Protein backbone atom coordinates (compact mmCIF):
# COMPACT_ATOMS: atom_id res chain seq x y z
CA MET A 1 -4.73 -3.25 0.65
CA GLU A 2 -6.07 -3.43 4.17
CA ARG A 3 -9.12 -1.04 4.74
CA THR A 4 -10.83 -0.05 7.93
CA ARG A 5 -14.33 -0.37 6.36
CA SER A 6 -16.03 -2.14 3.51
CA TYR A 7 -16.92 0.20 0.52
CA ALA A 8 -19.73 -2.04 -0.95
CA ALA A 9 -21.31 1.16 -2.24
CA THR A 10 -18.58 1.77 -4.89
CA THR A 11 -19.88 4.02 -7.46
CA ALA A 12 -20.52 2.97 -11.00
CA SER A 13 -17.91 5.39 -12.31
CA GLN A 14 -15.20 3.98 -10.06
CA LEU A 15 -16.09 0.34 -11.23
CA PHE A 16 -15.91 1.70 -14.78
CA HIS A 17 -12.38 3.10 -14.41
CA GLN A 18 -11.23 0.07 -12.64
CA VAL A 19 -12.61 -2.34 -15.47
CA VAL A 20 -10.91 -0.15 -18.07
CA ASP A 21 -7.75 -0.04 -16.10
CA ALA A 22 -7.78 -3.74 -15.70
CA ILE A 23 -8.05 -4.28 -19.49
CA ARG A 24 -5.32 -1.59 -20.19
CA SER A 25 -2.99 -3.11 -17.59
CA ARG A 26 -2.90 -6.39 -19.33
CA ARG A 27 -1.29 -4.68 -22.40
CA ASN A 28 1.34 -2.87 -20.13
CA VAL A 29 1.83 -5.36 -17.49
CA ASP A 30 5.50 -5.98 -17.92
CA HIS A 31 6.40 -2.48 -17.73
CA GLU A 32 4.21 -1.86 -14.63
CA VAL A 33 5.61 -4.89 -12.89
CA SER A 34 9.27 -3.93 -13.77
CA ILE A 35 8.62 -0.58 -11.97
CA LEU A 36 6.96 -2.05 -9.07
CA LEU A 37 9.85 -4.84 -8.80
CA SER A 38 12.64 -2.09 -9.00
CA ARG A 39 10.91 -0.35 -6.06
CA LEU A 40 10.42 -3.60 -4.05
CA GLN A 41 14.15 -4.47 -4.62
CA ARG A 42 15.05 -0.86 -3.32
CA ASP A 43 12.99 -1.51 -0.10
CA GLU A 44 14.44 -5.08 0.14
CA ALA A 45 17.86 -3.21 0.16
CA ARG A 46 16.77 -0.94 2.98
CA ILE A 47 15.60 -3.88 5.13
CA THR A 48 18.79 -5.82 4.47
CA ALA A 49 20.93 -2.77 5.53
CA LYS A 50 18.89 -2.58 8.82
CA LEU A 51 19.16 -6.37 9.36
CA GLY A 52 22.86 -6.57 8.55
CA ARG A 53 22.17 -9.90 6.74
CA PRO A 54 20.46 -11.00 3.59
CA LEU A 55 16.67 -11.26 3.53
CA ARG A 56 16.66 -15.12 3.29
CA GLY A 57 15.16 -17.78 5.31
CA LEU A 58 13.47 -15.43 7.71
CA ASP A 59 9.89 -15.16 9.06
CA VAL A 60 8.19 -11.94 7.34
CA LEU A 61 4.79 -10.47 7.98
CA GLU A 62 3.25 -8.20 5.27
CA ILE A 63 0.50 -5.99 6.60
CA GLY A 64 -2.10 -5.45 3.76
CA PRO A 65 -0.74 -7.55 1.04
CA GLY A 66 -3.77 -6.88 -1.15
CA GLN A 67 -5.63 -9.19 -3.54
CA HIS A 68 -2.71 -9.97 -5.65
CA CYS A 69 -0.10 -10.64 -2.78
CA GLU A 70 2.54 -9.55 -5.29
CA ARG A 71 5.17 -8.42 -2.79
CA SER A 72 4.51 -11.35 -0.43
CA GLY A 73 4.78 -13.69 -3.39
CA TYR A 74 8.06 -12.27 -4.41
CA LEU A 75 9.53 -12.23 -0.77
CA GLY A 76 8.01 -15.68 -0.26
CA ARG A 77 10.59 -17.32 -2.87
CA SER A 78 13.24 -17.19 -0.09
CA ASN A 79 11.38 -16.55 3.13
CA ARG A 80 8.46 -17.68 5.23
CA VAL A 81 5.90 -15.18 4.56
CA THR A 82 2.53 -14.32 6.24
CA GLY A 83 0.12 -11.70 5.02
CA ILE A 84 -2.51 -10.13 7.16
CA ASP A 85 -5.51 -8.24 5.56
CA LEU A 86 -8.81 -6.88 6.68
CA ASP A 87 -10.19 -8.03 3.20
CA VAL A 88 -10.70 -11.77 2.63
CA ILE A 89 -8.14 -12.84 0.03
CA PRO A 90 -9.50 -15.84 -1.93
CA GLN A 91 -7.15 -19.03 -2.31
CA LEU A 92 -7.20 -20.94 -5.51
CA GLY A 93 -10.04 -23.37 -5.59
CA ARG A 94 -11.68 -22.25 -2.31
CA ILE A 95 -15.22 -21.33 -3.16
CA GLN A 96 -15.98 -20.64 0.48
CA ASP A 97 -13.44 -17.69 0.56
CA TYR A 98 -15.76 -15.75 -1.88
CA VAL A 99 -18.69 -16.44 0.46
CA ARG A 100 -16.55 -15.13 3.31
CA MET A 101 -15.57 -12.10 1.17
CA LEU A 102 -19.25 -11.31 0.48
CA ARG A 103 -20.06 -11.44 4.14
CA ALA A 104 -17.00 -9.63 5.43
CA ASN A 105 -16.16 -7.04 2.64
CA GLY A 106 -19.35 -6.67 0.72
CA ALA A 107 -20.71 -7.18 -2.79
CA GLY A 108 -18.50 -4.35 -4.22
CA ARG A 109 -15.23 -6.01 -3.36
CA LEU A 110 -16.59 -9.48 -4.33
CA LEU A 111 -17.64 -8.05 -7.82
CA LYS A 112 -14.19 -6.45 -8.38
CA THR A 113 -12.33 -9.64 -7.52
CA LEU A 114 -14.54 -11.80 -9.63
CA GLY A 115 -14.13 -9.23 -12.60
CA ARG A 116 -10.50 -9.36 -12.26
CA LYS A 117 -10.38 -13.08 -12.36
CA ALA A 118 -12.71 -13.20 -15.42
CA LEU A 119 -10.45 -10.82 -17.24
CA LEU A 120 -7.48 -12.95 -16.36
CA VAL A 121 -5.90 -9.81 -14.62
CA ASP A 122 -4.59 -11.96 -11.71
CA ARG A 123 -3.17 -14.61 -13.75
CA THR A 124 -1.48 -12.14 -16.20
CA ARG A 125 0.12 -10.28 -13.37
CA ARG A 126 1.39 -13.38 -11.65
CA ARG A 127 3.16 -14.49 -14.71
CA ALA A 128 4.60 -11.00 -15.42
CA TRP A 129 6.11 -11.17 -11.79
CA GLU A 130 7.69 -14.52 -12.38
CA ARG A 131 9.07 -13.45 -15.56
CA ALA A 132 10.61 -10.32 -14.02
CA ALA A 133 11.88 -12.15 -10.87
CA GLY A 134 13.09 -15.16 -13.00
CA SER A 135 11.25 -17.65 -10.69
CA LYS A 136 7.85 -18.68 -9.52
CA THR A 137 6.36 -16.65 -6.66
CA VAL A 138 5.27 -18.38 -3.52
CA ALA A 139 1.79 -17.55 -2.00
CA PRO A 140 2.02 -16.36 1.59
CA LYS A 141 0.02 -17.80 4.55
CA LEU A 142 -2.99 -15.39 4.93
CA LEU A 143 -4.59 -14.19 8.01
CA SER A 144 -7.72 -12.11 8.30
CA GLY A 145 -7.52 -9.36 10.88
CA ASP A 146 -7.38 -5.75 11.85
CA VAL A 147 -3.86 -4.37 13.04
CA CYS A 148 -5.50 -1.60 14.79
CA SER A 149 -8.00 -3.57 17.02
CA GLN A 150 -6.06 -6.88 17.62
CA PRO A 151 -2.56 -7.73 18.52
CA LEU A 152 -0.31 -9.67 16.19
CA PRO A 153 1.57 -12.68 17.23
CA SER A 154 4.20 -11.55 19.74
CA ALA A 155 7.89 -11.70 18.83
CA SER A 156 7.05 -13.96 15.97
CA PHE A 157 8.77 -12.13 12.91
CA ASP A 158 12.13 -11.05 11.75
CA VAL A 159 10.68 -8.57 9.38
CA VAL A 160 7.37 -6.72 9.31
CA CYS A 161 6.65 -4.60 6.14
CA THR A 162 3.77 -2.75 4.67
CA TRP A 163 3.14 -0.42 1.74
CA SER A 164 0.35 2.27 1.37
CA VAL A 165 -1.67 0.75 4.25
CA PHE A 166 -1.07 2.97 7.35
CA GLU A 167 -2.82 6.12 5.74
CA HIS A 168 -6.11 3.99 5.75
CA LEU A 169 -5.97 3.11 9.30
CA PRO A 170 -8.07 4.95 11.91
CA ASP A 171 -5.47 4.31 14.71
CA PRO A 172 -1.94 4.15 13.26
CA ALA A 173 -0.50 4.60 16.64
CA ARG A 174 -2.02 1.32 17.78
CA ALA A 175 -0.95 -0.35 14.75
CA VAL A 176 2.70 0.80 15.16
CA LYS A 177 2.64 -0.65 18.70
CA ASN A 178 1.42 -3.92 17.37
CA VAL A 179 4.24 -4.01 14.92
CA VAL A 180 6.87 -3.40 17.69
CA GLN A 181 5.29 -6.24 19.58
CA ALA A 182 5.25 -8.59 16.71
CA LEU A 183 8.96 -8.15 15.92
CA ARG A 184 11.60 -10.35 17.48
CA PRO A 185 14.69 -8.51 19.07
CA GLY A 186 16.76 -7.40 16.23
CA GLY A 187 14.06 -7.59 13.80
CA VAL A 188 13.37 -4.80 11.25
CA SER A 189 10.06 -2.97 10.17
CA LEU A 190 9.68 -0.98 6.94
CA ILE A 191 6.41 1.02 6.94
CA GLY A 192 5.61 2.92 3.79
CA VAL A 193 2.87 5.62 3.81
CA HIS A 194 1.27 7.26 0.65
CA LEU A 195 1.12 10.90 1.97
CA TYR A 196 -2.36 12.45 2.03
CA THR A 197 -0.78 15.78 1.05
CA SER A 198 0.65 14.35 -2.18
CA ASN A 199 -1.08 15.07 -5.50
CA SER A 200 -2.71 11.60 -5.41
CA GLY A 201 -3.09 11.46 -1.69
CA HIS A 202 -6.85 11.65 -2.04
CA HIS A 203 -7.05 8.11 -3.42
CA ASP A 204 -9.56 9.06 -6.12
CA ILE A 205 -9.55 5.97 -8.22
CA ARG A 206 -9.13 8.02 -11.43
CA ALA A 207 -5.50 8.89 -10.18
CA PHE A 208 -4.54 5.26 -10.47
CA THR A 209 -6.41 4.23 -13.57
CA GLY A 210 -5.04 6.49 -16.19
CA ALA A 211 -7.49 9.45 -15.77
CA GLY A 212 -5.45 11.54 -13.23
CA ARG A 213 -4.77 14.27 -15.70
CA PHE A 214 -8.61 15.10 -15.56
CA LEU A 215 -8.39 15.84 -11.87
CA PRO A 216 -7.46 19.33 -10.34
CA LEU A 217 -3.98 19.43 -8.95
CA TRP A 218 -4.07 18.74 -5.29
CA GLY A 219 -7.85 18.98 -5.53
CA HIS A 220 -8.46 17.47 -2.21
CA LEU A 221 -6.41 20.15 -0.37
CA ARG A 222 -8.14 23.15 -2.02
CA PRO A 223 -11.47 24.39 -0.88
CA THR A 224 -12.30 25.53 -4.42
CA THR A 225 -11.96 21.99 -5.88
CA GLU A 226 -12.45 19.39 -3.09
CA HIS A 227 -15.99 18.79 -4.38
CA ALA A 228 -14.45 17.32 -7.61
CA ILE A 229 -12.65 14.52 -5.72
CA ALA A 230 -14.05 11.09 -4.81
CA PRO A 231 -11.84 9.20 -2.43
CA SER A 232 -12.27 5.45 -2.97
CA SER A 233 -11.36 4.38 0.56
CA PHE A 234 -11.07 5.69 4.05
CA LEU A 235 -8.08 8.04 4.73
CA ASN A 236 -6.98 9.27 8.15
CA ARG A 237 -5.61 12.40 6.45
CA TRP A 238 -2.36 12.46 8.66
CA ARG A 239 0.31 15.00 7.53
CA LEU A 240 4.07 14.37 7.44
CA ALA A 241 4.74 15.95 10.88
CA GLU A 242 2.20 13.61 12.37
CA TRP A 243 3.94 10.50 10.96
CA ARG A 244 7.28 11.82 12.10
CA ARG A 245 5.99 12.37 15.57
CA LEU A 246 4.37 9.01 15.72
CA PHE A 247 7.59 7.08 14.52
CA GLY A 248 9.82 9.23 16.73
CA GLU A 249 7.99 8.10 19.79
CA GLU A 250 7.35 4.57 19.17
CA MET A 251 10.37 3.79 16.97
CA PRO A 252 13.15 6.04 18.23
CA GLY A 253 16.27 5.86 15.92
CA HIS A 254 14.21 5.00 12.87
CA GLN A 255 15.44 6.01 9.35
CA GLU A 256 13.08 8.08 7.05
CA PHE A 257 13.07 7.83 3.25
CA LEU A 258 11.09 10.20 1.12
CA GLU A 259 10.23 9.49 -2.41
CA ASP A 260 8.81 11.96 -5.01
CA TYR A 261 8.86 9.86 -8.08
CA GLY A 262 10.02 12.54 -10.38
CA ALA A 263 8.28 15.70 -8.92
CA ALA A 264 9.81 17.94 -11.73
CA GLU A 265 6.68 17.83 -13.76
CA LEU A 266 4.51 18.94 -10.84
CA ARG A 267 6.68 21.63 -9.79
CA ALA A 268 6.51 23.05 -13.42
CA LEU A 269 2.82 23.14 -12.98
CA MET A 270 2.82 24.96 -9.68
CA THR A 271 1.62 28.48 -10.55
CA PRO A 272 1.97 31.44 -8.01
CA ALA A 273 -1.83 31.39 -7.58
CA LEU A 274 -1.95 27.75 -6.75
CA ARG A 275 0.89 28.05 -4.43
CA ARG A 276 -0.92 30.72 -2.58
CA GLU A 277 -3.97 28.48 -2.24
CA LEU A 278 -1.77 25.75 -0.87
CA ASP A 279 0.23 28.00 1.37
CA VAL A 280 -0.55 26.08 4.57
CA PHE A 281 1.36 23.13 3.10
CA THR A 282 5.26 22.75 2.68
CA ASP A 283 6.78 21.65 -0.60
CA GLU A 284 8.04 18.71 1.08
CA GLU A 285 4.50 17.58 1.95
CA LEU A 286 3.08 18.47 -1.58
CA PHE A 287 5.74 16.78 -3.72
CA THR A 288 6.62 13.81 -1.63
CA VAL A 289 4.46 10.73 -2.68
CA ASP A 290 5.59 7.91 -0.32
CA ALA A 291 7.37 8.22 3.13
CA PHE A 292 9.04 5.16 4.35
CA TYR A 293 10.19 4.34 7.90
CA ALA A 294 12.83 1.69 8.64
CA TRP A 295 13.53 0.52 12.29
CA GLN A 296 15.33 -2.11 14.06
CA LYS A 297 13.94 -3.43 17.37
CA PRO A 298 16.77 -3.36 20.12
CA ARG A 299 18.17 -6.71 20.81
């Protein structure tokens, strides 16, 4: 995931949860990948509907592909995919990439990456994706860069896509302008945002490593519990209305898709007292996890 600053000072607790999750994920990897693949295929269908043609043989840019490059690898089976990330993503057999990672992203990122590889997490997940997709994934061409501070190659891509990255950017408006510039006429962007106001919008690593049940509900939004939350990365804290305003201004005519991923359980836990404490937030903000914005650049 692309980040706006290096969090070298990752706490021992966060590292512990990540190691435990890495070990656990090896046992459940096929199930986890099947869920991710089904969501990716859903989003692929959204892009295809906007394009009016199959997502095949096109120039695709993923912003923030992350260390695994899983979506890029899947899309790269039938497209020319480029990934751009603020973090250095080591290529197979390139020791110098790890040196660059240490210098650019800090010791915390380097240790996590080496740990994943030592535990064979990357290899296990790659093979799971290949089993699920029925063919080998294709590594993208990788660029290091910040989509807020530097322009993307102008009119170079048929598709620009990103998942759970823009909530980490200090200047989402600048990034959206760069996406518009990078698209060819008729090209399509799909920008997915993990909402800050969702129950897991705080990005406390425990919410993603099997310990979320120990965190207070919407703990980061409540003055009485915010001290118990430890975000693992920078967050711009934008709310749904702010995202809607941005895309309305920069990408007029876009489509919005909201995903709650089974909010029924959370709704059942929403007591009257809790709802009063969260009264400045709408139910739409609290129960939506991901908001997606699809747009086609005028020809």
